Amino acid sequence: MTEESKLAFQASKSANIIKSLCDLYGLSLQEATDIYYQSDTSELIEEGIADLQCRSARYLAIVIWEEHQESQER
């Protein structure tokens, strides 16, 4: 896999997760994007840590939402 194809895959994955956040939680595109990029999980996805790239966008959206909810409670 070339560096360019890796970047394209990551961009597509991020977009699908953000869309899932919008669909699951009724968020605007801006709200979902902010939540995604402020999450620790998005950093792990971008770095290619563990098997997160293999998880579905819906699953990762739920994980990121739960992380966001926990950070709001602090």
PDB file of N, CA and C in Angstrom:
ATOM      1  N   MET A   1       0.858  -1.174   0.000  1.00  0.00           N
ATOM      2  CA  MET A   1       0.000   0.000   0.000  1.00  0.00           C
ATOM      3  C   MET A   1       0.902   1.234   0.000  1.00  0.00           C
ATOM      4  N   THR A   2       0.649   2.135  -0.923  1.00  0.00           N
ATOM      5  CA  THR A   2       1.455   3.352  -1.006  1.00  0.00           C
ATOM      6  C   THR A   2       1.019   4.336   0.075  1.00  0.00           C
ATOM      7  N   GLU A   3       1.864   5.315   0.318  1.00  0.00           N
ATOM      8  CA  GLU A   3       1.544   6.348   1.313  1.00  0.00           C
ATOM      9  C   GLU A   3       0.283   7.105   0.902  1.00  0.00           C
ATOM     10  N   GLU A   4       0.154   7.349  -0.383  1.00  0.00           N
ATOM     11  CA  GLU A   4      -1.017   8.069  -0.894  1.00  0.00           C
ATOM     12  C   GLU A   4      -2.302   7.263  -0.661  1.00  0.00           C
ATOM     13  N   SER A   5      -2.245   5.960  -0.883  1.00  0.00           N
ATOM     14  CA  SER A   5      -3.440   5.141  -0.669  1.00  0.00           C
ATOM     15  C   SER A   5      -3.768   5.013   0.815  1.00  0.00           C
ATOM     16  N   LYS A   6      -2.746   5.012   1.671  1.00  0.00           N
ATOM     17  CA  LYS A   6      -2.986   4.992   3.117  1.00  0.00           C
ATOM     18  C   LYS A   6      -3.708   6.258   3.557  1.00  0.00           C
ATOM     19  N   LEU A   7      -3.258   7.402   3.030  1.00  0.00           N
ATOM     20  CA  LEU A   7      -3.902   8.675   3.377  1.00  0.00           C
ATOM     21  C   LEU A   7      -5.340   8.716   2.885  1.00  0.00           C
ATOM     22  N   ALA A   8      -5.567   8.197   1.686  1.00  0.00           N
ATOM     23  CA  ALA A   8      -6.929   8.162   1.140  1.00  0.00           C
ATOM     24  C   ALA A   8      -7.819   7.269   1.994  1.00  0.00           C
ATOM     25  N   PHE A   9      -7.301   6.125   2.423  1.00  0.00           N
ATOM     26  CA  PHE A   9      -8.065   5.211   3.278  1.00  0.00           C
ATOM     27  C   PHE A   9      -8.408   5.884   4.600  1.00  0.00           C
ATOM     28  N   GLN A  10      -7.417   6.550   5.215  1.00  0.00           N
ATOM     29  CA  GLN A  10      -7.661   7.219   6.498  1.00  0.00           C
ATOM     30  C   GLN A  10      -8.693   8.329   6.352  1.00  0.00           C
ATOM     31  N   ALA A  11      -8.608   9.090   5.264  1.00  0.00           N
ATOM     32  CA  ALA A  11      -9.562  10.177   5.037  1.00  0.00           C
ATOM     33  C   ALA A  11     -10.978   9.619   4.871  1.00  0.00           C
ATOM     34  N   SER A  12     -11.092   8.531   4.129  1.00  0.00           N
ATOM     35  CA  SER A  12     -12.395   7.901   3.928  1.00  0.00           C
ATOM     36  C   SER A  12     -12.945   7.354   5.244  1.00  0.00           C
ATOM     37  N   LYS A  13     -12.084   6.716   6.025  1.00  0.00           N
ATOM     38  CA  LYS A  13     -12.495   6.152   7.316  1.00  0.00           C
ATOM     39  C   LYS A  13     -12.982   7.270   8.237  1.00  0.00           C
ATOM     40  N   SER A  14     -12.222   8.356   8.312  1.00  0.00           N
ATOM     41  CA  SER A  14     -12.605   9.495   9.159  1.00  0.00           C
ATOM     42  C   SER A  14     -13.952  10.063   8.723  1.00  0.00           C
ATOM     43  N   ALA A  15     -14.134  10.229   7.428  1.00  0.00           N
ATOM     44  CA  ALA A  15     -15.392  10.777   6.909  1.00  0.00           C
ATOM     45  C   ALA A  15     -16.566   9.870   7.256  1.00  0.00           C
ATOM     46  N   ASN A  16     -16.369   8.568   7.154  1.00  0.00           N
ATOM     47  CA  ASN A  16     -17.444   7.625   7.477  1.00  0.00           C
ATOM     48  C   ASN A  16     -17.783   7.632   8.965  1.00  0.00           C
ATOM     49  N   ILE A  17     -16.776   7.784   9.808  1.00  0.00           N
ATOM     50  CA  ILE A  17     -17.023   7.863  11.255  1.00  0.00           C
ATOM     51  C   ILE A  17     -17.784   9.140  11.585  1.00  0.00           C
ATOM     52  N   ILE A  18     -17.378  10.248  10.999  1.00  0.00           N
ATOM     53  CA  ILE A  18     -18.050  11.528  11.237  1.00  0.00           C
ATOM     54  C   ILE A  18     -19.502  11.447  10.765  1.00  0.00           C
ATOM     55  N   LYS A  19     -19.734  10.847   9.603  1.00  0.00           N
ATOM     56  CA  LYS A  19     -21.103  10.677   9.117  1.00  0.00           C
ATOM     57  C   LYS A  19     -21.910   9.804  10.066  1.00  0.00           C
ATOM     58  N   SER A  20     -21.292   8.767  10.601  1.00  0.00           N
ATOM     59  CA  SER A  20     -21.988   7.897  11.563  1.00  0.00           C
ATOM     60  C   SER A  20     -22.340   8.656  12.826  1.00  0.00           C
ATOM     61  N   LEU A  21     -21.456   9.528  13.296  1.00  0.00           N
ATOM     62  CA  LEU A  21     -21.767  10.362  14.468  1.00  0.00           C
ATOM     63  C   LEU A  21     -22.992  11.227  14.185  1.00  0.00           C
ATOM     64  N   CYS A  22     -23.032  11.811  12.994  1.00  0.00           N
ATOM     65  CA  CYS A  22     -24.196  12.634  12.621  1.00  0.00           C
ATOM     66  C   CYS A  22     -25.469  11.801  12.619  1.00  0.00           C
ATOM     67  N   ASP A  23     -25.405  10.640  11.986  1.00  0.00           N
ATOM     68  CA  ASP A  23     -26.592   9.786  11.850  1.00  0.00           C
ATOM     69  C   ASP A  23     -27.065   9.223  13.194  1.00  0.00           C
ATOM     70  N   LEU A  24     -26.131   8.770  14.007  1.00  0.00           N
ATOM     71  CA  LEU A  24     -26.495   8.127  15.276  1.00  0.00           C
ATOM     72  C   LEU A  24     -26.993   9.112  16.327  1.00  0.00           C
ATOM     73  N   TYR A  25     -26.394  10.297  16.355  1.00  0.00           N
ATOM     74  CA  TYR A  25     -26.662  11.212  17.468  1.00  0.00           C
ATOM     75  C   TYR A  25     -27.287  12.537  17.049  1.00  0.00           C
ATOM     76  N   GLY A  26     -27.659  12.661  15.789  1.00  0.00           N
ATOM     77  CA  GLY A  26     -28.335  13.867  15.318  1.00  0.00           C
ATOM     78  C   GLY A  26     -27.469  15.106  15.392  1.00  0.00           C
ATOM     79  N   LEU A  27     -26.173  14.932  15.204  1.00  0.00           N
ATOM     80  CA  LEU A  27     -25.244  16.055  15.279  1.00  0.00           C
ATOM     81  C   LEU A  27     -25.107  16.730  13.924  1.00  0.00           C
ATOM     82  N   SER A  28     -24.753  17.996  13.966  1.00  0.00           N
ATOM     83  CA  SER A  28     -24.406  18.676  12.717  1.00  0.00           C
ATOM     84  C   SER A  28     -23.038  18.160  12.269  1.00  0.00           C
ATOM     85  N   LEU A  29     -22.725  18.403  11.022  1.00  0.00           N
ATOM     86  CA  LEU A  29     -21.433  17.978  10.493  1.00  0.00           C
ATOM     87  C   LEU A  29     -20.294  18.629  11.279  1.00  0.00           C
ATOM     88  N   GLN A  30     -20.446  19.889  11.627  1.00  0.00           N
ATOM     89  CA  GLN A  30     -19.408  20.605  12.380  1.00  0.00           C
ATOM     90  C   GLN A  30     -19.244  20.020  13.783  1.00  0.00           C
ATOM     91  N   GLU A  31     -20.346  19.749  14.457  1.00  0.00           N
ATOM     92  CA  GLU A  31     -20.279  19.161  15.797  1.00  0.00           C
ATOM     93  C   GLU A  31     -19.598  17.792  15.753  1.00  0.00           C
ATOM     94  N   ALA A  32     -20.004  16.966  14.808  1.00  0.00           N
ATOM     95  CA  ALA A  32     -19.436  15.627  14.694  1.00  0.00           C
ATOM     96  C   ALA A  32     -17.945  15.685  14.368  1.00  0.00           C
ATOM     97  N   THR A  33     -17.560  16.599  13.489  1.00  0.00           N
ATOM     98  CA  THR A  33     -16.152  16.755  13.125  1.00  0.00           C
ATOM     99  C   THR A  33     -15.330  17.187  14.333  1.00  0.00           C
ATOM    100  N   ASP A  34     -15.841  18.144  15.086  1.00  0.00           N
ATOM    101  CA  ASP A  34     -15.137  18.602  16.294  1.00  0.00           C
ATOM    102  C   ASP A  34     -14.972  17.467  17.297  1.00  0.00           C
ATOM    103  N   ILE A  35     -16.032  16.724  17.540  1.00  0.00           N
ATOM    104  CA  ILE A  35     -15.973  15.612  18.488  1.00  0.00           C
ATOM    105  C   ILE A  35     -14.962  14.576  18.022  1.00  0.00           C
ATOM    106  N   TYR A  36     -15.013  14.259  16.726  1.00  0.00           N
ATOM    107  CA  TYR A  36     -14.087  13.259  16.184  1.00  0.00           C
ATOM    108  C   TYR A  36     -12.629  13.690  16.387  1.00  0.00           C
ATOM    109  N   TYR A  37     -12.292  14.892  15.941  1.00  0.00           N
ATOM    110  CA  TYR A  37     -10.888  15.316  15.974  1.00  0.00           C
ATOM    111  C   TYR A  37     -10.384  15.674  17.366  1.00  0.00           C
ATOM    112  N   GLN A  38     -11.274  15.847  18.332  1.00  0.00           N
ATOM    113  CA  GLN A  38     -10.858  16.105  19.711  1.00  0.00           C
ATOM    114  C   GLN A  38     -10.718  14.813  20.513  1.00  0.00           C
ATOM    115  N   SER A  39     -11.063  13.690  19.912  1.00  0.00           N
ATOM    116  CA  SER A  39     -11.030  12.426  20.649  1.00  0.00           C
ATOM    117  C   SER A  39      -9.646  11.782  20.610  1.00  0.00           C
ATOM    118  N   ASP A  40      -9.346  11.064  21.691  1.00  0.00           N
ATOM    119  CA  ASP A  40      -8.111  10.276  21.730  1.00  0.00           C
ATOM    120  C   ASP A  40      -8.174   9.140  20.714  1.00  0.00           C
ATOM    121  N   THR A  41      -9.363   8.614  20.511  1.00  0.00           N
ATOM    122  CA  THR A  41      -9.540   7.494  19.590  1.00  0.00           C
ATOM    123  C   THR A  41      -9.171   7.892  18.164  1.00  0.00           C
ATOM    124  N   SER A  42      -9.510   9.112  17.750  1.00  0.00           N
ATOM    125  CA  SER A  42      -9.162   9.543  16.389  1.00  0.00           C
ATOM    126  C   SER A  42      -7.647   9.570  16.204  1.00  0.00           C
ATOM    127  N   GLU A  43      -6.927   9.957  17.237  1.00  0.00           N
ATOM    128  CA  GLU A  43      -5.463   9.960  17.157  1.00  0.00           C
ATOM    129  C   GLU A  43      -4.934   8.544  16.962  1.00  0.00           C
ATOM    130  N   LEU A  44      -5.527   7.595  17.682  1.00  0.00           N
ATOM    131  CA  LEU A  44      -5.109   6.202  17.539  1.00  0.00           C
ATOM    132  C   LEU A  44      -5.412   5.671  16.139  1.00  0.00           C
ATOM    133  N   ILE A  45      -6.545   6.062  15.604  1.00  0.00           N
ATOM    134  CA  ILE A  45      -6.919   5.646  14.246  1.00  0.00           C
ATOM    135  C   ILE A  45      -5.925   6.225  13.246  1.00  0.00           C
ATOM    136  N   GLU A  46      -5.632   7.512  13.374  1.00  0.00           N
ATOM    137  CA  GLU A  46      -4.705   8.178  12.458  1.00  0.00           C
ATOM    138  C   GLU A  46      -3.305   7.569  12.527  1.00  0.00           C
ATOM    139  N   GLU A  47      -2.889   7.131  13.717  1.00  0.00           N
ATOM    140  CA  GLU A  47      -1.563   6.541  13.899  1.00  0.00           C
ATOM    141  C   GLU A  47      -1.525   5.071  13.493  1.00  0.00           C
ATOM    142  N   GLY A  48      -2.686   4.489  13.236  1.00  0.00           N
ATOM    143  CA  GLY A  48      -2.744   3.087  12.840  1.00  0.00           C
ATOM    144  C   GLY A  48      -2.531   2.134  13.991  1.00  0.00           C
ATOM    145  N   ILE A  49      -2.912   2.556  15.193  1.00  0.00           N
ATOM    146  CA  ILE A  49      -2.724   1.751  16.388  1.00  0.00           C
ATOM    147  C   ILE A  49      -3.760   0.626  16.440  1.00  0.00           C
ATOM    148  N   ALA A  50      -3.312  -0.511  16.916  1.00  0.00           N
ATOM    149  CA  ALA A  50      -4.165  -1.691  17.141  1.00  0.00           C
ATOM    150  C   ALA A  50      -4.911  -2.060  15.868  1.00  0.00           C
ATOM    151  N   ASP A  51      -6.125  -2.505  16.028  1.00  0.00           N
ATOM    152  CA  ASP A  51      -6.918  -2.926  14.874  1.00  0.00           C
ATOM    153  C   ASP A  51      -8.085  -1.976  14.635  1.00  0.00           C
ATOM    154  N   LEU A  52      -7.944  -0.726  15.068  1.00  0.00           N
ATOM    155  CA  LEU A  52      -9.064   0.202  14.967  1.00  0.00           C
ATOM    156  C   LEU A  52      -9.494   0.457  13.532  1.00  0.00           C
ATOM    157  N   GLN A  53      -8.551   0.408  12.589  1.00  0.00           N
ATOM    158  CA  GLN A  53      -8.913   0.638  11.193  1.00  0.00           C
ATOM    159  C   GLN A  53      -9.835  -0.462  10.673  1.00  0.00           C
ATOM    160  N   CYS A  54      -9.791  -1.612  11.312  1.00  0.00           N
ATOM    161  CA  CYS A  54     -10.611  -2.755  10.885  1.00  0.00           C
ATOM    162  C   CYS A  54     -12.030  -2.695  11.440  1.00  0.00           C
ATOM    163  N   ARG A  55     -12.250  -1.867  12.425  1.00  0.00           N
ATOM    164  CA  ARG A  55     -13.584  -1.751  13.031  1.00  0.00           C
ATOM    165  C   ARG A  55     -14.500  -0.940  12.128  1.00  0.00           C
ATOM    166  N   SER A  56     -15.782  -1.167  12.262  1.00  0.00           N
ATOM    167  CA  SER A  56     -16.738  -0.432  11.429  1.00  0.00           C
ATOM    168  C   SER A  56     -16.815   1.027  11.876  1.00  0.00           C
ATOM    169  N   ALA A  57     -17.225   1.874  10.949  1.00  0.00           N
ATOM    170  CA  ALA A  57     -17.376   3.301  11.256  1.00  0.00           C
ATOM    171  C   ALA A  57     -18.410   3.500  12.352  1.00  0.00           C
ATOM    172  N   ARG A  58     -19.473   2.715  12.315  1.00  0.00           N
ATOM    173  CA  ARG A  58     -20.532   2.826  13.331  1.00  0.00           C
ATOM    174  C   ARG A  58     -19.984   2.478  14.718  1.00  0.00           C
ATOM    175  N   TYR A  59     -19.240   1.386  14.797  1.00  0.00           N
ATOM    176  CA  TYR A  59     -18.647   0.982  16.074  1.00  0.00           C
ATOM    177  C   TYR A  59     -17.729   2.077  16.609  1.00  0.00           C
ATOM    178  N   LEU A  60     -16.873   2.608  15.751  1.00  0.00           N
ATOM    179  CA  LEU A  60     -15.934   3.641  16.187  1.00  0.00           C
ATOM    180  C   LEU A  60     -16.660   4.932  16.557  1.00  0.00           C
ATOM    181  N   ALA A  61     -17.747   5.242  15.866  1.00  0.00           N
ATOM    182  CA  ALA A  61     -18.540   6.422  16.227  1.00  0.00           C
ATOM    183  C   ALA A  61     -19.106   6.281  17.633  1.00  0.00           C
ATOM    184  N   ILE A  62     -19.567   5.093  17.978  1.00  0.00           N
ATOM    185  CA  ILE A  62     -20.096   4.846  19.324  1.00  0.00           C
ATOM    186  C   ILE A  62     -18.988   4.992  20.362  1.00  0.00           C
ATOM    187  N   VAL A  63     -17.822   4.448  20.086  1.00  0.00           N
ATOM    188  CA  VAL A  63     -16.684   4.565  21.008  1.00  0.00           C
ATOM    189  C   VAL A  63     -16.314   6.028  21.201  1.00  0.00           C
ATOM    190  N   ILE A  64     -16.244   6.773  20.117  1.00  0.00           N
ATOM    191  CA  ILE A  64     -15.877   8.196  20.189  1.00  0.00           C
ATOM    192  C   ILE A  64     -16.951   8.984  20.930  1.00  0.00           C
ATOM    193  N   TRP A  65     -18.221   8.669  20.705  1.00  0.00           N
ATOM    194  CA  TRP A  65     -19.307   9.359  21.418  1.00  0.00           C
ATOM    195  C   TRP A  65     -19.220   9.092  22.921  1.00  0.00           C
ATOM    196  N   GLU A  66     -18.982   7.842  23.297  1.00  0.00           N
ATOM    197  CA  GLU A  66     -18.844   7.504  24.716  1.00  0.00           C
ATOM    198  C   GLU A  66     -17.653   8.241  25.334  1.00  0.00           C
ATOM    199  N   GLU A  67     -16.568   8.315  24.598  1.00  0.00           N
ATOM    200  CA  GLU A  67     -15.394   9.063  25.066  1.00  0.00           C
ATOM    201  C   GLU A  67     -15.747  10.539  25.256  1.00  0.00           C
ATOM    202  N   HIS A  68     -16.486  11.093  24.315  1.00  0.00           N
ATOM    203  CA  HIS A  68     -16.919  12.497  24.392  1.00  0.00           C
ATOM    204  C   HIS A  68     -17.816  12.723  25.608  1.00  0.00           C
ATOM    205  N   GLN A  69     -18.760  11.809  25.834  1.00  0.00           N
ATOM    206  CA  GLN A  69     -19.663  11.920  26.972  1.00  0.00           C
ATOM    207  C   GLN A  69     -18.889  11.886  28.285  1.00  0.00           C
ATOM    208  N   GLU A  70     -17.918  11.003  28.386  1.00  0.00           N
ATOM    209  CA  GLU A  70     -17.097  10.907  29.599  1.00  0.00           C
ATOM    210  C   GLU A  70     -16.314  12.196  29.829  1.00  0.00           C
ATOM    211  N   SER A  71     -15.786  12.781  28.763  1.00  0.00           N
ATOM    212  CA  SER A  71     -15.009  14.017  28.916  1.00  0.00           C
ATOM    213  C   SER A  71     -15.908  15.187  29.332  1.00  0.00           C
ATOM    214  N   GLN A  72     -17.189  15.151  28.957  1.00  0.00           N
ATOM    215  CA  GLN A  72     -18.122  16.207  29.339  1.00  0.00           C
ATOM    216  C   GLN A  72     -18.515  16.116  30.814  1.00  0.00           C
ATOM    217  N   GLU A  73     -18.421  14.906  31.378  1.00  0.00           N
ATOM    218  CA  GLU A  73     -18.790  14.693  32.770  1.00  0.00           C
ATOM    219  C   GLU A  73     -17.697  15.143  33.732  1.00  0.00           C
ATOM    220  N   ARG A  74     -16.502  15.297  33.232  1.00  0.00           N
ATOM    221  CA  ARG A  74     -15.375  15.688  34.104  1.00  0.00           C
ATOM    222  C   ARG A  74     -15.404  17.136  34.462  1.00  0.00           C
TER     223      ARG A  74
END
